[in-house]
Protein backbone atom coordinates (compact mmCIF):
# COMPACT_ATOMS: atom_id res chain seq x y z
CA UNK A 1 168.65 -14.62 87.03
CA UNK A 2 168.47 -17.26 84.64
CA UNK A 3 168.23 -16.60 80.80
CA UNK A 4 165.22 -17.11 78.58
CA UNK A 5 165.97 -20.57 77.16
CA UNK A 6 166.40 -22.01 81.14
CA UNK A 7 163.05 -20.36 82.21
CA UNK A 8 161.51 -22.15 78.91
CA UNK A 9 162.97 -25.48 80.07
CA UNK A 10 162.12 -24.95 84.09
CA UNK A 11 158.50 -24.12 82.66
CA UNK A 12 158.41 -27.33 80.43
CA UNK A 13 159.91 -29.43 83.19
CA UNK A 14 157.09 -28.61 85.73
CA UNK A 15 154.55 -29.36 83.18
CA UNK A 16 155.73 -32.80 82.57
CA UNK A 17 156.34 -33.44 86.17
CA UNK A 18 152.74 -32.49 86.70
CA UNK A 19 151.64 -34.89 84.22
CA UNK A 20 153.74 -37.74 85.64
CA UNK A 21 151.43 -40.69 86.87
CA UNK A 22 148.46 -39.10 85.41
CA UNK A 23 148.16 -36.57 88.40
CA UNK A 24 145.78 -33.74 87.58
CA UNK A 25 147.85 -30.56 86.15
CA UNK A 26 145.45 -28.31 87.91
CA UNK A 27 143.53 -27.91 91.21
CA UNK A 28 139.76 -28.71 90.96
CA UNK A 29 137.59 -25.73 90.00
CA UNK A 30 136.55 -23.82 93.06
CA UNK A 31 135.22 -20.60 91.44
CA UNK A 32 136.36 -17.13 90.79
CA UNK A 33 135.45 -14.90 93.63
CA UNK A 34 138.25 -12.22 94.00
CA UNK A 35 140.36 -12.50 97.37
CA UNK A 36 140.83 -9.68 99.76
CA UNK A 37 144.42 -9.08 100.20
CA UNK A 38 144.25 -5.04 101.22
CA UNK A 39 145.92 -3.86 98.17
CA UNK A 40 144.62 -1.30 95.50
CA UNK A 41 141.77 -3.26 93.84
CA UNK A 42 137.98 -2.71 94.77
CA UNK A 43 136.45 -6.05 94.68
CA UNK A 44 132.95 -6.77 93.08
CA UNK A 45 131.19 -9.48 91.18
CA UNK A 46 130.15 -10.11 87.65
CA UNK A 47 126.39 -9.44 88.66
CA UNK A 48 127.21 -6.13 90.39
CA UNK A 49 129.19 -4.98 87.21
CA UNK A 50 126.75 -6.06 84.62
CA UNK A 51 128.11 -9.56 83.47
CA UNK A 52 126.42 -12.82 82.90
CA UNK A 53 127.79 -15.15 85.37
CA UNK A 54 127.24 -18.35 83.42
CA UNK A 55 129.56 -16.80 80.70
CA UNK A 56 132.26 -15.79 83.21
CA UNK A 57 132.08 -19.40 84.69
CA UNK A 58 132.43 -20.87 81.35
CA UNK A 59 135.54 -18.93 80.74
CA UNK A 60 137.05 -19.97 84.32
CA UNK A 61 136.20 -23.52 83.41
CA UNK A 62 138.10 -23.63 80.53
CA UNK A 63 141.21 -22.18 82.16
CA UNK A 64 140.83 -25.16 84.66
CA UNK A 65 140.82 -28.07 82.27
CA UNK A 66 143.70 -30.11 82.27
CA UNK A 67 143.80 -30.50 78.40
CA UNK A 68 143.29 -26.80 77.75
CA UNK A 69 145.31 -23.76 78.61
CA UNK A 70 147.70 -26.23 80.14
CA UNK A 71 150.14 -23.47 80.73
CA UNK A 72 147.79 -21.35 82.86
CA UNK A 73 148.68 -19.51 86.08
CA UNK A 74 146.01 -16.97 86.81
CA UNK A 75 143.11 -15.36 84.99
CA UNK A 76 141.46 -11.97 86.04
CA UNK A 77 138.67 -10.07 84.94
CA UNK A 78 138.24 -6.38 85.65
CA UNK A 79 135.05 -4.44 84.86
CA UNK A 80 134.36 -0.57 85.42
CA UNK A 81 137.54 -0.52 87.58
CA UNK A 82 136.82 -3.23 90.05
CA UNK A 83 138.25 -6.69 90.24
CA UNK A 84 135.24 -9.16 89.60
CA UNK A 85 136.81 -12.36 88.91
CA UNK A 86 140.24 -14.15 89.67
CA UNK A 87 141.58 -17.75 89.94
CA UNK A 88 144.74 -19.29 90.14
CA UNK A 89 144.41 -22.76 88.55
CA UNK A 90 147.67 -24.44 89.82
CA UNK A 91 148.49 -22.80 93.12
CA UNK A 92 146.66 -20.06 95.31
CA UNK A 93 149.86 -18.49 96.19
CA UNK A 94 150.55 -17.64 92.54
CA UNK A 95 148.37 -14.12 93.73
CA UNK A 96 151.59 -13.37 95.57
CA UNK A 97 154.40 -14.36 92.90
CA UNK A 98 155.87 -12.05 90.15
CA UNK A 99 155.75 -13.91 86.82
CA UNK A 100 157.98 -13.65 83.80
CA UNK A 101 155.35 -12.13 81.11
CA UNK A 102 157.47 -12.21 78.44
CA UNK A 103 156.72 -10.45 75.16
CA UNK A 104 154.09 -8.50 77.19
CA UNK A 105 157.33 -6.79 78.04
CA UNK A 106 157.42 -4.92 75.21
CA UNK A 107 153.99 -3.00 75.83
CA UNK A 108 155.73 -1.48 78.91
CA UNK A 109 158.78 -0.43 76.86
CA UNK A 110 156.10 1.35 74.59
CA UNK A 111 154.59 3.03 77.49
CA UNK A 112 157.79 4.04 78.98
CA UNK A 113 158.95 5.59 75.58
CA UNK A 114 155.45 7.55 75.87
CA UNK A 115 156.32 8.86 79.34
CA UNK A 116 159.72 9.71 78.02
CA UNK A 117 158.59 11.61 74.81
CA UNK A 118 156.05 13.46 77.35
CA UNK A 119 158.80 14.52 79.66
CA UNK A 120 160.99 15.77 76.83
CA UNK A 121 163.65 13.03 77.70
CA UNK A 122 163.38 11.72 74.06
CA UNK A 123 162.76 14.41 71.26
CA UNK A 124 160.26 13.04 69.05
CA UNK A 125 158.96 9.54 67.21
CA UNK A 126 161.21 10.82 64.16
CA UNK A 127 164.44 11.11 66.19
CA UNK A 128 167.10 9.01 64.85
CA UNK A 129 168.88 6.27 67.07
CA UNK A 130 172.09 7.01 65.57
CA UNK A 131 171.55 10.64 66.93
CA UNK A 132 170.81 8.98 70.32
CA UNK A 133 173.88 6.81 70.51
CA UNK A 134 175.90 7.53 67.71
CA UNK A 135 178.90 5.42 69.01
CA UNK A 136 177.07 2.37 68.39
CA UNK A 137 176.49 3.27 64.47
CA UNK A 138 180.34 4.06 63.57
CA UNK A 139 180.70 0.44 62.19
CA UNK A 140 177.06 0.36 60.89
CA UNK A 141 176.36 3.40 58.83
CA UNK A 142 173.58 1.33 56.47
CA UNK A 143 171.30 1.63 59.69
CA UNK A 144 171.71 5.31 60.77
CA UNK A 145 168.38 6.34 59.34
CA UNK A 146 166.23 3.89 61.80
CA UNK A 147 164.13 6.30 64.10
CA UNK A 148 162.30 5.43 67.09
CA UNK A 149 158.92 5.39 65.31
CA UNK A 150 160.47 2.49 63.22
CA UNK A 151 161.82 0.70 66.16
CA UNK A 152 158.42 1.08 68.05
CA UNK A 153 156.28 -0.30 64.93
CA UNK A 154 158.93 -3.23 64.33
CA UNK A 155 160.19 -1.74 60.87
CA UNK A 156 163.69 -1.36 61.48
CA UNK A 157 164.45 -3.45 58.42
CA UNK A 158 166.82 -5.28 60.42
CA UNK A 159 166.82 -9.13 60.25
CA UNK A 160 166.60 -10.14 63.79
CA UNK A 161 165.74 -13.62 64.33
CA UNK A 162 164.23 -14.42 67.88
CA UNK A 163 164.82 -18.22 67.65
CA UNK A 164 168.56 -17.14 67.07
CA UNK A 165 169.59 -13.73 68.09
CA UNK A 166 167.25 -13.39 71.71
CA UNK A 167 169.61 -16.26 73.28
CA UNK A 168 172.49 -14.22 71.73
CA UNK A 169 171.52 -11.03 73.48
CA UNK A 170 171.28 -13.14 76.94
CA UNK A 171 174.83 -14.44 76.38
CA UNK A 172 177.22 -11.66 74.83
CA UNK A 173 179.59 -9.99 76.94
CA UNK A 174 179.57 -7.03 74.43
CA UNK A 175 177.27 -4.51 73.43
CA UNK A 176 173.97 -5.76 72.99
CA UNK A 177 172.98 -2.70 70.79
CA UNK A 178 175.75 -3.52 68.49
CA UNK A 179 174.61 -7.13 68.11
CA UNK A 180 171.50 -5.94 66.84
CA UNK A 181 173.12 -3.29 64.33
CA UNK A 182 175.46 -5.97 63.14
CA UNK A 183 172.70 -7.91 61.57
CA UNK A 184 171.77 -7.57 58.07
CA UNK A 185 169.35 -4.84 56.88
CA UNK A 186 167.04 -6.71 54.24
CA UNK A 187 164.70 -3.51 54.13
CA UNK A 188 164.58 -0.12 54.44
CA UNK A 189 163.42 1.32 57.56
CA UNK A 190 159.78 2.26 57.81
CA UNK A 191 158.49 -0.30 55.07
CA UNK A 192 158.06 -3.65 56.34
CA UNK A 193 156.59 -4.97 59.61
CA UNK A 194 158.92 -7.83 61.27
CA UNK A 195 157.89 -8.84 64.77
CA UNK A 196 161.23 -9.30 66.81
CA UNK A 197 162.75 -8.83 70.04
CA UNK A 198 165.64 -6.83 68.83
CA UNK A 199 163.64 -3.27 67.95
CA UNK A 200 162.29 -2.99 71.75
CA UNK A 201 165.71 -3.31 72.90
CA UNK A 202 166.90 -0.52 70.76
CA UNK A 203 164.27 1.54 72.35
CA UNK A 204 165.22 0.67 75.80
CA UNK A 205 168.85 1.42 75.06
CA UNK A 206 167.49 4.98 73.65
CA UNK A 207 165.51 5.51 76.79
CA UNK A 208 168.43 4.83 79.17
CA UNK A 209 170.87 6.78 77.11
CA UNK A 210 168.71 10.01 77.30
CA UNK A 211 167.71 9.69 80.67
CA UNK A 212 170.67 7.99 82.32
CA UNK A 213 168.45 5.36 83.78
CA UNK A 214 167.78 1.85 82.74
CA UNK A 215 163.94 1.22 82.17
CA UNK A 216 163.49 -0.36 85.52
CA UNK A 217 164.65 2.52 87.32
CA UNK A 218 162.81 5.04 84.98
CA UNK A 219 159.87 2.97 85.50
CA UNK A 220 160.26 2.99 89.15
CA UNK A 221 159.74 6.69 89.41
CA UNK A 222 157.30 7.28 86.52
CA UNK A 223 155.25 4.06 86.26
CA UNK A 224 155.61 1.51 88.85
CA UNK A 225 155.78 3.94 91.84
CA UNK A 226 152.88 6.06 91.23
CA UNK A 227 150.68 2.49 90.52
CA UNK A 228 152.17 1.41 93.88
CA UNK A 229 153.94 -1.54 92.18
CA UNK A 230 157.05 -2.36 94.42
CA UNK A 231 157.52 -6.22 93.60
CA UNK A 232 158.91 -6.64 90.26
CA UNK A 233 162.14 -7.75 88.51
CA UNK A 234 163.48 -6.60 85.07
CA UNK A 235 166.32 -8.44 83.81
CA UNK A 236 169.31 -6.72 81.77
CA UNK A 237 171.79 -7.57 79.36
CA UNK A 238 175.36 -7.90 80.43
CA UNK A 239 176.14 -4.46 79.33
CA UNK A 240 173.52 -3.21 81.86
CA UNK A 241 170.36 -2.47 79.39
CA UNK A 242 166.99 -3.90 80.47
CA UNK A 243 165.58 -6.09 77.84
CA UNK A 244 163.09 -4.05 75.98
CA UNK A 245 161.04 -7.32 74.62
CA UNK A 246 160.96 -9.81 77.56
CA UNK A 247 162.00 -10.80 81.07
CA UNK A 248 159.78 -8.24 83.19
CA UNK A 249 158.34 -10.15 85.94
CA UNK A 250 155.08 -8.76 87.65
CA UNK A 251 152.33 -9.85 89.93
CA UNK A 252 149.05 -10.62 87.98
CA UNK A 253 147.04 -7.85 90.01
CA UNK A 254 149.98 -5.43 88.89
CA UNK A 255 149.74 -6.39 85.53
CA UNK A 256 146.05 -6.02 85.80
CA UNK A 257 147.00 -2.14 87.02
CA UNK A 258 148.62 -1.63 83.86
CA UNK A 259 145.63 -2.61 81.62
CA UNK A 260 143.08 -0.54 84.13
CA UNK A 261 145.74 2.53 83.40
CA UNK A 262 145.34 2.23 79.87
CA UNK A 263 141.88 1.75 79.85
CA UNK A 264 141.82 5.00 81.93
CA UNK A 265 143.64 6.84 79.32
CA UNK A 266 146.78 7.06 81.01
CA UNK A 267 145.15 8.32 84.31
CA UNK A 268 145.14 6.82 87.93
CA UNK A 269 144.15 7.99 91.18
CA UNK A 270 143.35 11.36 89.50
CA UNK A 271 147.03 11.63 88.10
CA UNK A 272 147.90 11.61 84.61
CA UNK A 273 150.67 8.94 84.47
CA UNK A 274 150.94 8.44 80.68
CA UNK A 275 149.89 11.10 78.44
CA UNK A 276 146.30 10.26 77.14
CA UNK A 277 147.73 11.08 73.37
CA UNK A 278 150.54 8.11 73.90
CA UNK A 279 147.89 5.81 74.83
CA UNK A 280 145.56 6.45 71.66
CA UNK A 281 148.81 6.50 69.28
CA UNK A 282 150.43 3.22 70.77
CA UNK A 283 147.13 1.28 70.39
CA UNK A 284 146.24 2.63 67.10
CA UNK A 285 147.18 0.54 64.10
CA UNK A 286 150.74 1.47 63.10
CA UNK A 287 151.47 -1.60 61.00
CA UNK A 288 149.51 -4.43 59.10
CA UNK A 289 150.55 -7.96 60.28
CA UNK A 290 150.23 -11.58 58.83
CA UNK A 291 148.48 -12.51 62.49
CA UNK A 292 145.03 -13.56 62.13
CA UNK A 293 142.68 -10.55 62.55
CA UNK A 294 145.48 -8.41 64.42
CA UNK A 295 147.17 -5.42 63.44
CA UNK A 296 149.96 -3.80 65.27
CA UNK A 297 150.33 -0.44 67.16
CA UNK A 298 153.69 0.68 69.17
CA UNK A 299 154.16 -2.72 70.91
CA UNK A 300 150.47 -3.51 71.26
CA UNK A 301 148.57 -5.83 69.28
CA UNK A 302 145.34 -4.31 67.80
CA UNK A 303 142.13 -6.51 67.63
CA UNK A 304 139.26 -4.40 65.64
CA UNK A 305 136.87 -7.30 65.72
CA UNK A 306 137.07 -6.94 69.58
CA UNK A 307 137.22 -3.15 69.76
CA UNK A 308 140.18 -3.74 71.91
CA UNK A 309 144.17 -4.32 71.90
CA UNK A 310 146.49 -6.61 73.86
CA UNK A 311 150.04 -7.03 75.19
CA UNK A 312 150.89 -10.94 74.47
CA UNK A 313 153.70 -13.03 75.52
CA UNK A 314 154.99 -16.64 75.35
CA UNK A 315 152.93 -19.27 77.26
CA UNK A 316 149.96 -17.64 75.65
CA UNK A 317 149.61 -15.22 78.15
CA UNK A 318 147.78 -11.86 77.50
CA UNK A 319 146.97 -8.33 78.69
CA UNK A 320 143.61 -7.56 76.92
CA UNK A 321 141.92 -3.93 77.12
CA UNK A 322 138.38 -3.70 75.58
CA UNK A 323 137.36 0.10 76.05
CA UNK A 324 133.87 -0.30 74.80
CA UNK A 325 133.00 -2.66 77.16
CA UNK A 326 135.25 -1.09 80.19
CA UNK A 327 136.97 -4.32 80.53
CA UNK A 328 140.29 -5.54 81.40
CA UNK A 329 141.34 -9.41 81.34
CA UNK A 330 144.69 -10.72 82.45
CA UNK A 331 145.79 -14.37 81.61
CA UNK A 332 149.32 -15.25 82.78
CA UNK A 333 150.93 -18.50 82.14
CA UNK A 334 154.16 -20.62 82.25
CA UNK A 335 156.44 -18.77 79.88
CA UNK A 336 156.84 -21.89 77.71
CA UNK A 337 158.41 -20.86 74.42
CA UNK A 338 156.50 -23.40 72.02
CA UNK A 339 153.13 -22.56 70.95
CA UNK A 340 152.08 -26.05 71.30
CA UNK A 341 150.47 -25.46 74.72
CA UNK A 342 149.39 -21.66 74.56
CA UNK A 343 145.79 -22.50 73.36
CA UNK A 344 143.35 -19.96 72.00
CA UNK A 345 142.95 -16.54 74.06
CA UNK A 346 139.68 -16.16 71.62
CA UNK A 347 137.80 -18.64 73.50
CA UNK A 348 138.22 -17.07 76.81
CA UNK A 349 138.04 -13.68 75.39
CA UNK A 350 134.81 -14.28 73.20
CA UNK A 351 133.01 -15.85 76.54
CA UNK A 352 134.03 -12.54 78.59
CA UNK A 353 133.11 -9.89 76.10
CA UNK A 354 129.87 -11.77 75.60
CA UNK A 355 129.29 -11.51 79.09
CA UNK A 356 129.29 -7.84 79.41
CA UNK A 357 125.54 -6.78 79.19
């Protein structure tokens, strides 16, 4: 598979090509009625699920504007466990395509860490990474006190710069874990929140070491399999570890299943897939951030003003869960890594939350 920077360039190229000759970037707006494709979703409508249609339509029209949400590939709305609205602004066949969900991947790493803890494959949140894979810490004893909780809350203290070091993870032939551990420790673990791609990769390596399976295989058994998610891809570093932070590819409706699973406190079809206490812990504030109005859990962004939480990734894409409204929203986008074209998730979410009567 192509590395992250190539994917970003391809996404940008597609955008630029679509703009040539003043051609429309997106298809003409054609409503948001969900398509019946005989999958696991029950279809409904905004009216049937207590949503004001005009506000839902305003959100979808935003997603179809050529000068707004220009990276948009899908917008799905689930209420009361039913798919009530769905559209694919650039290609209807995107319904069947697995996209790179970029940093939304981090939330999957959190979910799988929670499953591993419940299954006693990981001992506890206080387990030190140096006790899980001590061989990687021999040259970096200053990092030996980093725990799973530190990594899950982005408080390792390691100076991992996404703009520089994520690409190194893709390119290096050596140990991806030691690439991260070799970086300078600028804070003691557990003190300072620093959002980065390194910490989730350390968690991915921990799950793999303790279970004998990379996250993709562990997910196939304990998460994707039970949810009937079969078409996905999760890229790995050259030493065979799934990227804990990025590069999971999923179809929009399958991403929506994860949101509905979380909304249902980890339960799906009368089966507990994720322990409810982990869902609560992961989506509770574990760190304060400098991101306007958002705090952080265990690889989930927490939005108290919305009464909800989200997985978010490059391109502006997100999976938003609002328990008080029984609402799940999925927005997927080309995974372009510059924020210039991301637009504001708040406008779409404001409309959809207000639509819930």
